[in-house]
């Protein structure tokens, strides 16, 4: 809470700069796993699904509460057949409190910081293939590895520039000054990937 105590006027409370980075989290989860193994073959699969509800109680600028609902997943699959190994996984990440706060911090009115309450969970997948063999007469080992990563609905930063005074309806009608920038977040529409 920023209070202006300079001068003889009544102190001014700057409600736009009031942050309470606190969520009440309620999480439900279910998981399962199965595995099988022999001398030359092994396989295991683990799966976890969770649902997180974030309840936000605030009193500035007005008393209200809002709920945000996120689904999370963590699955892992491991396979080994003689010298060949394969590993695959899928995971999710939930936006942070700062990224989802529907507030604007105007400590610097020309460099505004705002969250995006419409952010959704981001997902990442990974695949690894490994082949390992011993050279003839124990002269050493040889290994070949392939790995791939892909991200879906990644959370990325976004910048908006205002060439004129603009009222931001998504942030309680805050008026951004001409020449200012708003730094916020959004879910990427294009997947990311990496191959090695």
N, C-alpha and C. Protein backbone atom coordinates (compact mmCIF):
# COMPACT_ATOMS: atom_id res chain seq x y z
N UNK A 1 0.86 -1.18 0.00
CA UNK A 1 0.00 0.00 0.00
C UNK A 1 0.89 1.23 0.00
N UNK A 2 0.76 2.08 -1.00
CA UNK A 2 1.56 3.29 -1.11
C UNK A 2 0.75 4.47 -0.57
N UNK A 3 1.31 5.18 0.39
CA UNK A 3 0.63 6.31 1.01
C UNK A 3 1.47 7.56 0.80
N UNK A 4 0.85 8.62 0.31
CA UNK A 4 1.54 9.89 0.09
C UNK A 4 1.37 10.75 1.34
N UNK A 5 2.46 10.90 2.10
CA UNK A 5 2.41 11.68 3.34
C UNK A 5 3.07 13.04 3.20
N UNK A 6 3.41 13.44 1.96
CA UNK A 6 4.06 14.72 1.75
C UNK A 6 3.01 15.82 1.62
N UNK A 7 3.27 16.95 2.23
CA UNK A 7 2.34 18.07 2.16
C UNK A 7 1.32 18.00 3.29
N UNK A 8 0.44 18.96 3.34
CA UNK A 8 -0.52 19.06 4.44
C UNK A 8 -1.87 18.46 4.07
N UNK A 9 -2.00 18.00 2.80
CA UNK A 9 -3.28 17.46 2.38
C UNK A 9 -3.49 16.07 3.00
N UNK A 10 -4.70 15.57 2.89
CA UNK A 10 -5.03 14.25 3.41
C UNK A 10 -4.22 13.20 2.64
N UNK A 11 -3.59 12.23 3.33
CA UNK A 11 -2.82 11.20 2.63
C UNK A 11 -3.65 10.50 1.56
N UNK A 12 -3.01 10.22 0.42
CA UNK A 12 -3.68 9.57 -0.70
C UNK A 12 -3.25 8.12 -0.77
N UNK A 13 -4.19 7.21 -0.79
CA UNK A 13 -3.88 5.80 -0.91
C UNK A 13 -3.87 5.42 -2.39
N UNK A 14 -2.74 4.90 -2.85
CA UNK A 14 -2.61 4.48 -4.24
C UNK A 14 -3.01 3.01 -4.33
N UNK A 15 -4.30 2.78 -4.59
CA UNK A 15 -4.81 1.41 -4.55
C UNK A 15 -4.29 0.57 -5.70
N UNK A 16 -3.88 1.19 -6.80
CA UNK A 16 -3.40 0.43 -7.94
C UNK A 16 -2.09 -0.28 -7.62
N UNK A 17 -1.34 0.22 -6.64
CA UNK A 17 -0.07 -0.40 -6.28
C UNK A 17 -0.19 -1.35 -5.11
N UNK A 18 -1.39 -1.71 -4.73
CA UNK A 18 -1.60 -2.60 -3.60
C UNK A 18 -1.66 -4.05 -4.09
N UNK A 19 -0.70 -4.83 -3.68
CA UNK A 19 -0.64 -6.23 -4.11
C UNK A 19 -0.68 -7.14 -2.90
N UNK A 20 -1.43 -8.21 -3.02
CA UNK A 20 -1.42 -9.26 -2.01
C UNK A 20 -1.18 -10.56 -2.76
N UNK A 21 0.09 -10.97 -2.85
CA UNK A 21 0.42 -12.16 -3.64
C UNK A 21 0.10 -13.42 -2.85
N UNK A 22 -1.16 -13.64 -2.63
CA UNK A 22 -1.58 -14.79 -1.84
C UNK A 22 -2.75 -15.48 -2.52
N UNK A 23 -2.62 -16.78 -2.68
CA UNK A 23 -3.73 -17.60 -3.16
C UNK A 23 -4.04 -18.65 -2.11
N UNK A 24 -5.28 -19.04 -2.06
CA UNK A 24 -5.66 -20.25 -1.33
C UNK A 24 -5.83 -21.35 -2.37
N UNK A 25 -4.98 -22.37 -2.30
CA UNK A 25 -4.99 -23.44 -3.30
C UNK A 25 -5.73 -24.67 -2.78
N UNK A 26 -6.61 -25.20 -3.61
CA UNK A 26 -7.28 -26.46 -3.32
C UNK A 26 -6.95 -27.41 -4.47
N UNK A 27 -6.29 -28.52 -4.15
CA UNK A 27 -5.81 -29.43 -5.19
C UNK A 27 -6.35 -30.84 -4.97
N UNK A 28 -6.86 -31.41 -6.04
CA UNK A 28 -7.26 -32.83 -6.05
C UNK A 28 -6.39 -33.54 -7.06
N UNK A 29 -5.94 -34.74 -6.72
CA UNK A 29 -5.04 -35.46 -7.62
C UNK A 29 -5.37 -36.95 -7.60
N UNK A 30 -5.14 -37.59 -8.74
CA UNK A 30 -5.27 -39.03 -8.84
C UNK A 30 -4.10 -39.54 -9.68
N UNK A 31 -3.54 -40.66 -9.30
CA UNK A 31 -2.38 -41.19 -10.01
C UNK A 31 -2.41 -42.71 -10.06
N UNK A 32 -1.69 -43.25 -11.02
CA UNK A 32 -1.61 -44.70 -11.17
C UNK A 32 -0.30 -45.05 -11.87
N UNK A 33 0.14 -46.26 -11.69
CA UNK A 33 1.37 -46.70 -12.33
C UNK A 33 1.34 -48.21 -12.55
N UNK A 34 2.05 -48.65 -13.58
CA UNK A 34 2.13 -50.08 -13.88
C UNK A 34 3.51 -50.37 -14.46
N UNK A 35 4.03 -51.55 -14.20
CA UNK A 35 5.35 -51.90 -14.71
C UNK A 35 5.46 -53.39 -14.99
N UNK A 36 6.41 -53.73 -15.87
CA UNK A 36 6.66 -55.13 -16.22
C UNK A 36 8.14 -55.26 -16.56
N UNK A 37 8.75 -56.35 -16.15
CA UNK A 37 10.18 -56.48 -16.37
C UNK A 37 10.57 -57.94 -16.59
N UNK A 38 11.49 -58.16 -17.56
CA UNK A 38 12.15 -59.45 -17.77
C UNK A 38 13.64 -59.15 -17.94
N UNK A 39 14.42 -60.17 -18.31
CA UNK A 39 15.86 -59.97 -18.45
C UNK A 39 16.20 -58.97 -19.56
N UNK A 40 15.55 -59.06 -20.70
CA UNK A 40 15.86 -58.20 -21.84
C UNK A 40 14.84 -57.09 -22.10
N UNK A 41 13.79 -57.08 -21.30
CA UNK A 41 12.72 -56.13 -21.57
C UNK A 41 12.17 -55.59 -20.26
N UNK A 42 11.94 -54.29 -20.23
CA UNK A 42 11.27 -53.68 -19.06
C UNK A 42 10.44 -52.50 -19.55
N UNK A 43 9.36 -52.27 -18.84
CA UNK A 43 8.44 -51.20 -19.20
C UNK A 43 7.74 -50.72 -17.94
N UNK A 44 7.60 -49.41 -17.81
CA UNK A 44 6.78 -48.87 -16.72
C UNK A 44 6.12 -47.58 -17.18
N UNK A 45 4.94 -47.36 -16.65
CA UNK A 45 4.14 -46.19 -17.01
C UNK A 45 3.54 -45.61 -15.74
N UNK A 46 3.72 -44.31 -15.54
CA UNK A 46 3.17 -43.61 -14.39
C UNK A 46 2.37 -42.41 -14.88
N UNK A 47 1.25 -42.19 -14.23
CA UNK A 47 0.33 -41.14 -14.66
C UNK A 47 -0.23 -40.43 -13.45
N UNK A 48 -0.24 -39.09 -13.50
CA UNK A 48 -0.81 -38.30 -12.42
C UNK A 48 -1.62 -37.16 -13.01
N UNK A 49 -2.84 -37.02 -12.58
CA UNK A 49 -3.74 -35.95 -13.03
C UNK A 49 -4.18 -35.16 -11.82
N UNK A 50 -4.06 -33.83 -11.88
CA UNK A 50 -4.47 -33.02 -10.75
C UNK A 50 -5.26 -31.81 -11.21
N UNK A 51 -6.09 -31.33 -10.33
CA UNK A 51 -6.91 -30.15 -10.58
C UNK A 51 -6.68 -29.16 -9.44
N UNK A 52 -6.31 -27.93 -9.79
CA UNK A 52 -6.03 -26.91 -8.79
C UNK A 52 -7.01 -25.75 -8.94
N UNK A 53 -7.67 -25.40 -7.85
CA UNK A 53 -8.55 -24.23 -7.81
C UNK A 53 -7.86 -23.19 -6.93
N UNK A 54 -7.64 -21.99 -7.48
CA UNK A 54 -7.01 -20.92 -6.74
C UNK A 54 -8.08 -19.89 -6.36
N UNK A 55 -8.23 -19.68 -5.08
CA UNK A 55 -9.22 -18.71 -4.60
C UNK A 55 -8.48 -17.48 -4.10
N UNK A 56 -8.88 -16.34 -4.62
CA UNK A 56 -8.20 -15.09 -4.33
C UNK A 56 -9.15 -14.17 -3.58
N UNK A 57 -8.81 -13.84 -2.33
CA UNK A 57 -9.62 -12.91 -1.54
C UNK A 57 -8.90 -11.56 -1.48
N UNK A 58 -9.56 -10.52 -1.96
CA UNK A 58 -8.94 -9.20 -2.00
C UNK A 58 -9.89 -8.15 -1.42
N UNK A 59 -9.28 -7.07 -0.96
CA UNK A 59 -10.08 -6.00 -0.37
C UNK A 59 -9.79 -4.65 -0.99
N UNK A 60 -8.88 -4.56 -1.92
CA UNK A 60 -8.60 -3.32 -2.64
C UNK A 60 -8.63 -3.62 -4.13
N UNK A 61 -9.25 -2.80 -4.94
CA UNK A 61 -9.99 -1.60 -4.55
C UNK A 61 -11.38 -1.89 -4.02
N UNK A 62 -11.86 -3.14 -4.17
CA UNK A 62 -13.16 -3.49 -3.60
C UNK A 62 -13.09 -4.95 -3.18
N UNK A 63 -13.97 -5.31 -2.28
CA UNK A 63 -13.96 -6.68 -1.77
C UNK A 63 -14.59 -7.62 -2.80
N UNK A 64 -13.85 -8.61 -3.21
CA UNK A 64 -14.38 -9.61 -4.13
C UNK A 64 -13.50 -10.86 -4.05
N UNK A 65 -13.99 -11.94 -4.60
CA UNK A 65 -13.18 -13.15 -4.66
C UNK A 65 -13.38 -13.77 -6.03
N UNK A 66 -12.36 -14.41 -6.52
CA UNK A 66 -12.45 -15.05 -7.83
C UNK A 66 -11.76 -16.40 -7.78
N UNK A 67 -12.23 -17.30 -8.59
CA UNK A 67 -11.67 -18.64 -8.65
C UNK A 67 -11.04 -18.87 -10.01
N UNK A 68 -9.88 -19.51 -10.00
CA UNK A 68 -9.21 -19.91 -11.23
C UNK A 68 -9.00 -21.41 -11.16
N UNK A 69 -9.27 -22.05 -12.27
CA UNK A 69 -9.29 -23.51 -12.31
C UNK A 69 -8.26 -24.00 -13.32
N UNK A 70 -7.32 -24.85 -12.87
CA UNK A 70 -6.27 -25.37 -13.75
C UNK A 70 -6.20 -26.89 -13.67
N UNK A 71 -5.98 -27.51 -14.84
CA UNK A 71 -5.75 -28.95 -14.90
C UNK A 71 -4.27 -29.20 -15.15
N UNK A 72 -3.71 -30.13 -14.39
CA UNK A 72 -2.30 -30.47 -14.55
C UNK A 72 -2.14 -31.95 -14.85
N UNK A 73 -1.05 -32.27 -15.52
CA UNK A 73 -0.79 -33.66 -15.89
C UNK A 73 0.70 -33.94 -15.77
N UNK A 74 1.03 -35.12 -15.32
CA UNK A 74 2.41 -35.59 -15.31
C UNK A 74 2.37 -37.07 -15.65
N UNK A 75 2.88 -37.42 -16.80
CA UNK A 75 2.92 -38.82 -17.21
C UNK A 75 4.33 -39.16 -17.67
N UNK A 76 4.77 -40.38 -17.35
CA UNK A 76 6.10 -40.83 -17.72
C UNK A 76 6.03 -42.27 -18.22
N UNK A 77 6.72 -42.53 -19.32
CA UNK A 77 6.76 -43.87 -19.91
C UNK A 77 8.21 -44.24 -20.18
N UNK A 78 8.64 -45.37 -19.66
CA UNK A 78 10.00 -45.86 -19.85
C UNK A 78 9.95 -47.25 -20.47
N UNK A 79 10.78 -47.46 -21.48
CA UNK A 79 10.82 -48.75 -22.19
C UNK A 79 12.28 -49.12 -22.45
N UNK A 80 12.62 -50.36 -22.16
CA UNK A 80 13.96 -50.85 -22.47
C UNK A 80 13.85 -52.21 -23.14
N UNK A 81 14.52 -52.33 -24.29
CA UNK A 81 14.59 -53.62 -24.99
C UNK A 81 16.04 -53.85 -25.39
N UNK A 82 16.69 -54.77 -24.69
CA UNK A 82 18.11 -55.06 -24.88
C UNK A 82 18.93 -53.76 -24.78
N UNK A 83 19.49 -53.27 -25.88
CA UNK A 83 20.35 -52.09 -25.82
C UNK A 83 19.60 -50.79 -26.15
N UNK A 84 18.34 -50.89 -26.44
CA UNK A 84 17.56 -49.72 -26.82
C UNK A 84 16.69 -49.26 -25.64
N UNK A 85 16.74 -47.96 -25.34
CA UNK A 85 15.92 -47.39 -24.27
C UNK A 85 15.12 -46.21 -24.82
N UNK A 86 13.89 -46.09 -24.37
CA UNK A 86 13.02 -44.98 -24.77
C UNK A 86 12.36 -44.41 -23.51
N UNK A 87 12.35 -43.08 -23.43
CA UNK A 87 11.72 -42.39 -22.31
C UNK A 87 10.86 -41.25 -22.85
N UNK A 88 9.64 -41.18 -22.37
CA UNK A 88 8.73 -40.12 -22.81
C UNK A 88 8.00 -39.55 -21.59
N UNK A 89 7.74 -38.26 -21.62
CA UNK A 89 7.01 -37.63 -20.51
C UNK A 89 6.22 -36.44 -21.01
N UNK A 90 5.14 -36.15 -20.29
CA UNK A 90 4.30 -34.97 -20.55
C UNK A 90 4.05 -34.32 -19.20
N UNK A 91 4.23 -33.00 -19.12
CA UNK A 91 4.00 -32.29 -17.87
C UNK A 91 3.33 -30.95 -18.16
N UNK A 92 2.81 -30.34 -17.11
CA UNK A 92 2.14 -29.05 -17.25
C UNK A 92 2.66 -28.09 -16.19
N UNK A 93 2.49 -26.80 -16.43
CA UNK A 93 2.87 -25.78 -15.45
C UNK A 93 1.76 -24.76 -15.33
N UNK A 94 1.48 -24.34 -14.11
CA UNK A 94 0.40 -23.40 -13.81
C UNK A 94 0.99 -21.98 -13.74
N UNK A 95 0.31 -20.98 -14.29
CA UNK A 95 0.83 -19.60 -14.20
C UNK A 95 1.03 -19.17 -12.75
N UNK A 96 1.98 -18.27 -12.54
CA UNK A 96 2.24 -17.77 -11.20
C UNK A 96 1.22 -16.70 -10.81
N UNK A 97 1.23 -16.34 -9.55
CA UNK A 97 0.29 -15.34 -9.05
C UNK A 97 0.49 -14.01 -9.78
N UNK A 98 1.75 -13.60 -9.95
CA UNK A 98 2.03 -12.32 -10.60
C UNK A 98 1.55 -12.31 -12.04
N UNK A 99 1.63 -13.47 -12.71
CA UNK A 99 1.23 -13.53 -14.12
C UNK A 99 -0.29 -13.48 -14.30
N UNK A 100 -1.05 -13.87 -13.29
CA UNK A 100 -2.51 -13.92 -13.42
C UNK A 100 -3.23 -12.77 -12.71
N UNK A 101 -2.49 -11.95 -11.98
CA UNK A 101 -3.14 -10.85 -11.24
C UNK A 101 -3.72 -9.84 -12.22
N UNK A 102 -5.03 -9.55 -12.10
CA UNK A 102 -5.64 -8.58 -13.01
C UNK A 102 -5.50 -7.17 -12.43
N UNK A 103 -4.26 -6.79 -12.19
CA UNK A 103 -3.91 -5.48 -11.66
C UNK A 103 -2.86 -4.85 -12.54
N UNK A 104 -2.72 -3.56 -12.45
CA UNK A 104 -1.64 -2.85 -13.11
C UNK A 104 -0.82 -2.15 -12.04
N UNK A 105 0.48 -2.38 -12.07
CA UNK A 105 1.39 -1.64 -11.20
C UNK A 105 1.91 -0.45 -12.00
N UNK A 106 1.63 0.76 -11.49
CA UNK A 106 2.06 1.96 -12.20
C UNK A 106 3.09 2.74 -11.40
N UNK A 107 3.99 2.02 -10.74
CA UNK A 107 5.10 2.69 -10.04
C UNK A 107 5.84 3.60 -11.01
N UNK A 108 6.01 3.10 -12.24
CA UNK A 108 6.50 3.93 -13.35
C UNK A 108 5.37 3.99 -14.37
N UNK A 109 4.66 5.14 -14.47
CA UNK A 109 3.49 5.21 -15.37
C UNK A 109 3.80 4.96 -16.84
N UNK A 110 5.09 5.05 -17.22
CA UNK A 110 5.45 4.79 -18.61
C UNK A 110 5.85 3.34 -18.84
N UNK A 111 6.02 2.58 -17.76
CA UNK A 111 6.37 1.16 -17.87
C UNK A 111 5.43 0.39 -16.94
N UNK A 112 4.23 0.12 -17.41
CA UNK A 112 3.19 -0.52 -16.61
C UNK A 112 3.40 -2.03 -16.58
N UNK A 113 3.15 -2.64 -15.42
CA UNK A 113 3.24 -4.09 -15.28
C UNK A 113 1.84 -4.62 -14.96
N UNK A 114 1.37 -5.57 -15.76
CA UNK A 114 0.04 -6.12 -15.54
C UNK A 114 0.00 -7.61 -15.75
N UNK A 115 -0.88 -8.29 -15.03
CA UNK A 115 -1.06 -9.72 -15.21
C UNK A 115 -2.17 -10.00 -16.20
N UNK A 116 -2.41 -11.27 -16.44
CA UNK A 116 -3.47 -11.70 -17.36
C UNK A 116 -4.26 -12.83 -16.71
N UNK A 117 -5.46 -12.53 -16.18
CA UNK A 117 -6.24 -13.57 -15.49
C UNK A 117 -6.75 -14.67 -16.42
N UNK A 118 -6.60 -14.50 -17.73
CA UNK A 118 -7.07 -15.51 -18.68
C UNK A 118 -6.00 -16.52 -19.08
N UNK A 119 -4.84 -16.48 -18.43
CA UNK A 119 -3.78 -17.43 -18.75
C UNK A 119 -4.22 -18.86 -18.42
N UNK A 120 -3.80 -19.80 -19.26
CA UNK A 120 -4.09 -21.21 -19.05
C UNK A 120 -2.79 -21.97 -18.78
N UNK A 121 -2.93 -23.20 -18.34
CA UNK A 121 -1.76 -24.02 -18.08
C UNK A 121 -0.96 -24.24 -19.36
N UNK A 122 0.37 -24.31 -19.21
CA UNK A 122 1.25 -24.62 -20.33
C UNK A 122 1.67 -26.09 -20.23
N UNK A 123 1.94 -26.71 -21.37
CA UNK A 123 2.30 -28.13 -21.40
C UNK A 123 3.62 -28.34 -22.12
N UNK A 124 4.39 -29.30 -21.62
CA UNK A 124 5.66 -29.64 -22.24
C UNK A 124 5.77 -31.16 -22.38
N UNK A 125 6.30 -31.60 -23.52
CA UNK A 125 6.50 -33.04 -23.74
C UNK A 125 7.96 -33.29 -24.09
N UNK A 126 8.44 -34.47 -23.74
CA UNK A 126 9.84 -34.82 -23.96
C UNK A 126 9.94 -36.27 -24.40
N UNK A 127 10.84 -36.53 -25.34
CA UNK A 127 11.10 -37.89 -25.83
C UNK A 127 12.60 -38.09 -25.93
N UNK A 128 13.08 -39.20 -25.38
CA UNK A 128 14.49 -39.57 -25.47
C UNK A 128 14.61 -40.99 -25.98
N UNK A 129 15.44 -41.20 -27.00
CA UNK A 129 15.76 -42.53 -27.52
C UNK A 129 17.27 -42.73 -27.36
N UNK A 130 17.66 -43.83 -26.75
CA UNK A 130 19.07 -44.10 -26.48
C UNK A 130 19.42 -45.51 -26.92
N UNK A 131 20.50 -45.62 -27.66
CA UNK A 131 21.00 -46.94 -28.06
C UNK A 131 22.45 -47.04 -27.56
N UNK A 132 22.71 -48.04 -26.76
CA UNK A 132 24.05 -48.23 -26.20
C UNK A 132 24.54 -49.64 -26.53
N UNK A 133 25.81 -49.74 -26.93
CA UNK A 133 26.38 -51.05 -27.28
C UNK A 133 27.84 -51.08 -26.87
N UNK A 134 28.33 -52.28 -26.61
CA UNK A 134 29.74 -52.49 -26.27
C UNK A 134 30.49 -52.95 -27.51
N UNK A 135 31.61 -52.32 -27.79
CA UNK A 135 32.41 -52.69 -28.95
C UNK A 135 33.05 -54.05 -28.77
N UNK A 136 33.48 -54.63 -29.86
CA UNK A 136 34.08 -55.97 -29.83
C UNK A 136 35.28 -56.01 -28.89
N UNK A 137 35.39 -57.12 -28.17
CA UNK A 137 36.52 -57.38 -27.27
C UNK A 137 36.64 -56.33 -26.17
N UNK A 138 35.50 -55.74 -25.80
CA UNK A 138 35.50 -54.79 -24.70
C UNK A 138 36.35 -53.56 -24.93
N UNK A 139 36.45 -53.11 -26.18
CA UNK A 139 37.29 -51.96 -26.52
C UNK A 139 36.61 -50.62 -26.18
N UNK A 140 35.42 -50.65 -25.62
CA UNK A 140 34.74 -49.42 -25.27
C UNK A 140 33.25 -49.52 -25.55
N UNK A 141 32.56 -48.43 -25.31
CA UNK A 141 31.12 -48.37 -25.52
C UNK A 141 30.79 -47.32 -26.57
N UNK A 142 29.68 -47.54 -27.24
CA UNK A 142 29.18 -46.56 -28.19
C UNK A 142 27.73 -46.27 -27.85
N UNK A 143 27.37 -45.00 -27.94
CA UNK A 143 26.00 -44.61 -27.57
C UNK A 143 25.47 -43.59 -28.57
N UNK A 144 24.25 -43.78 -28.99
CA UNK A 144 23.56 -42.82 -29.86
C UNK A 144 22.31 -42.33 -29.13
N UNK A 145 22.11 -41.02 -29.14
CA UNK A 145 20.99 -40.43 -28.39
C UNK A 145 20.21 -39.47 -29.28
N UNK A 146 18.89 -39.57 -29.21
CA UNK A 146 18.00 -38.62 -29.87
C UNK A 146 17.04 -38.08 -28.82
N UNK A 147 16.89 -36.77 -28.76
CA UNK A 147 15.95 -36.18 -27.81
C UNK A 147 15.13 -35.10 -28.50
N UNK A 148 13.90 -34.96 -28.07
CA UNK A 148 12.98 -33.97 -28.64
C UNK A 148 12.13 -33.39 -27.52
N UNK A 149 11.94 -32.08 -27.57
CA UNK A 149 11.07 -31.38 -26.61
C UNK A 149 10.08 -30.54 -27.39
N UNK A 150 8.86 -30.48 -26.90
CA UNK A 150 7.84 -29.64 -27.52
C UNK A 150 7.03 -28.96 -26.43
N UNK A 151 6.75 -27.68 -26.62
CA UNK A 151 5.95 -26.92 -25.66
C UNK A 151 4.66 -26.44 -26.31
N UNK A 152 3.58 -26.55 -25.57
CA UNK A 152 2.28 -26.15 -26.09
C UNK A 152 1.64 -25.14 -25.13
N UNK A 153 1.05 -24.12 -25.69
CA UNK A 153 0.40 -23.06 -24.91
C UNK A 153 1.39 -22.45 -23.91
N UNK A 154 2.62 -22.23 -24.38
CA UNK A 154 3.64 -21.64 -23.51
C UNK A 154 3.20 -20.26 -23.03
N UNK A 155 3.65 -19.87 -21.85
CA UNK A 155 3.38 -18.54 -21.30
C UNK A 155 4.51 -17.63 -21.72
N UNK A 156 4.21 -16.61 -22.50
CA UNK A 156 5.23 -15.71 -23.02
C UNK A 156 4.89 -14.27 -22.62
N UNK A 157 5.90 -13.43 -22.63
CA UNK A 157 5.68 -12.02 -22.29
C UNK A 157 5.11 -11.27 -23.50
N UNK A 158 4.37 -10.23 -23.22
CA UNK A 158 3.74 -9.43 -24.26
C UNK A 158 3.89 -7.96 -23.91
N UNK A 159 4.18 -7.14 -24.91
CA UNK A 159 4.33 -5.70 -24.71
C UNK A 159 3.35 -4.96 -25.59
N UNK A 160 2.62 -4.01 -25.00
CA UNK A 160 1.71 -3.14 -25.76
C UNK A 160 2.19 -1.71 -25.61
N UNK A 161 2.26 -1.00 -26.73
CA UNK A 161 2.67 0.40 -26.74
C UNK A 161 1.45 1.27 -27.05
N UNK A 162 1.30 2.38 -26.31
CA UNK A 162 0.15 3.26 -26.49
C UNK A 162 0.62 4.59 -27.05
N UNK A 163 0.15 4.92 -28.25
CA UNK A 163 0.51 6.19 -28.87
C UNK A 163 -0.41 7.33 -28.42
N UNK A 164 -1.50 6.97 -27.73
CA UNK A 164 -2.41 7.98 -27.20
C UNK A 164 -3.00 7.44 -25.90
N UNK A 165 -3.57 8.31 -25.10
CA UNK A 165 -4.20 7.87 -23.85
C UNK A 165 -5.26 6.82 -24.17
N UNK A 166 -5.19 5.67 -23.46
CA UNK A 166 -6.08 4.55 -23.75
C UNK A 166 -6.66 3.99 -22.47
N UNK A 167 -7.97 3.80 -22.45
CA UNK A 167 -8.65 3.19 -21.31
C UNK A 167 -8.59 1.67 -21.47
N UNK A 168 -8.11 0.99 -20.44
CA UNK A 168 -7.94 -0.46 -20.48
C UNK A 168 -9.09 -1.12 -19.72
N UNK A 169 -10.07 -1.59 -20.45
CA UNK A 169 -11.27 -2.17 -19.81
C UNK A 169 -10.94 -3.45 -19.05
N UNK A 170 -9.92 -4.20 -19.50
CA UNK A 170 -9.57 -5.45 -18.82
C UNK A 170 -8.90 -5.21 -17.48
N UNK A 171 -8.50 -3.99 -17.21
CA UNK A 171 -7.86 -3.65 -15.95
C UNK A 171 -8.65 -2.55 -15.25
N UNK A 172 -9.92 -2.80 -15.07
CA UNK A 172 -10.80 -1.91 -14.30
C UNK A 172 -10.79 -0.47 -14.81
N UNK A 173 -10.68 -0.29 -16.14
CA UNK A 173 -10.76 1.04 -16.71
C UNK A 173 -9.55 1.92 -16.47
N UNK A 174 -8.41 1.30 -16.17
CA UNK A 174 -7.19 2.09 -15.97
C UNK A 174 -6.85 2.83 -17.27
N UNK A 175 -6.44 4.10 -17.16
CA UNK A 175 -6.09 4.89 -18.34
C UNK A 175 -4.58 4.94 -18.51
N UNK A 176 -4.10 4.29 -19.57
CA UNK A 176 -2.67 4.29 -19.88
C UNK A 176 -2.32 5.58 -20.60
N UNK A 177 -1.22 6.20 -20.20
CA UNK A 177 -0.79 7.46 -20.80
C UNK A 177 -0.19 7.24 -22.18
N UNK A 178 -0.28 8.24 -23.02
CA UNK A 178 0.37 8.20 -24.33
C UNK A 178 1.88 8.06 -24.12
N UNK A 179 2.51 7.16 -24.90
CA UNK A 179 3.94 6.93 -24.77
C UNK A 179 4.31 5.85 -23.78
N UNK A 180 3.31 5.30 -23.09
CA UNK A 180 3.61 4.25 -22.10
C UNK A 180 3.58 2.87 -22.74
N UNK A 181 4.15 1.92 -22.03
CA UNK A 181 4.14 0.52 -22.45
C UNK A 181 3.53 -0.32 -21.34
N UNK A 182 2.80 -1.35 -21.73
CA UNK A 182 2.23 -2.29 -20.78
C UNK A 182 2.88 -3.64 -21.00
N UNK A 183 3.54 -4.16 -19.97
CA UNK A 183 4.19 -5.46 -20.03
C UNK A 183 3.30 -6.48 -19.33
N UNK A 184 2.89 -7.49 -20.06
CA UNK A 184 2.01 -8.50 -19.50
C UNK A 184 2.34 -9.87 -20.08
N UNK A 185 1.43 -10.83 -19.99
CA UNK A 185 1.69 -12.21 -20.41
C UNK A 185 0.53 -12.74 -21.23
N UNK A 186 0.81 -13.77 -22.04
CA UNK A 186 -0.24 -14.46 -22.78
C UNK A 186 0.23 -15.87 -23.11
N UNK A 187 -0.72 -16.71 -23.50
CA UNK A 187 -0.39 -18.07 -23.96
C UNK A 187 -0.02 -18.02 -25.44
N UNK A 188 1.12 -18.59 -25.79
CA UNK A 188 1.54 -18.63 -27.18
C UNK A 188 0.61 -19.54 -27.99
N UNK A 189 0.29 -19.14 -29.21
CA UNK A 189 -0.58 -19.95 -30.07
C UNK A 189 0.23 -20.93 -30.91
N UNK A 190 1.54 -20.68 -31.07
CA UNK A 190 2.39 -21.56 -31.86
C UNK A 190 3.24 -22.43 -30.95
N UNK A 191 3.24 -23.73 -31.12
CA UNK A 191 4.06 -24.60 -30.28
C UNK A 191 5.55 -24.33 -30.49
N UNK A 192 6.34 -24.64 -29.48
CA UNK A 192 7.79 -24.56 -29.60
C UNK A 192 8.35 -25.98 -29.62
N UNK A 193 9.54 -26.16 -30.21
CA UNK A 193 10.12 -27.49 -30.25
C UNK A 193 11.64 -27.39 -30.33
N UNK A 194 12.27 -28.48 -29.94
CA UNK A 194 13.75 -28.56 -29.99
C UNK A 194 14.12 -30.02 -30.26
N UNK A 195 15.04 -30.23 -31.18
CA UNK A 195 15.51 -31.56 -31.52
C UNK A 195 17.02 -31.63 -31.32
N UNK A 196 17.50 -32.69 -30.70
CA UNK A 196 18.92 -32.92 -30.52
C UNK A 196 19.29 -34.31 -31.03
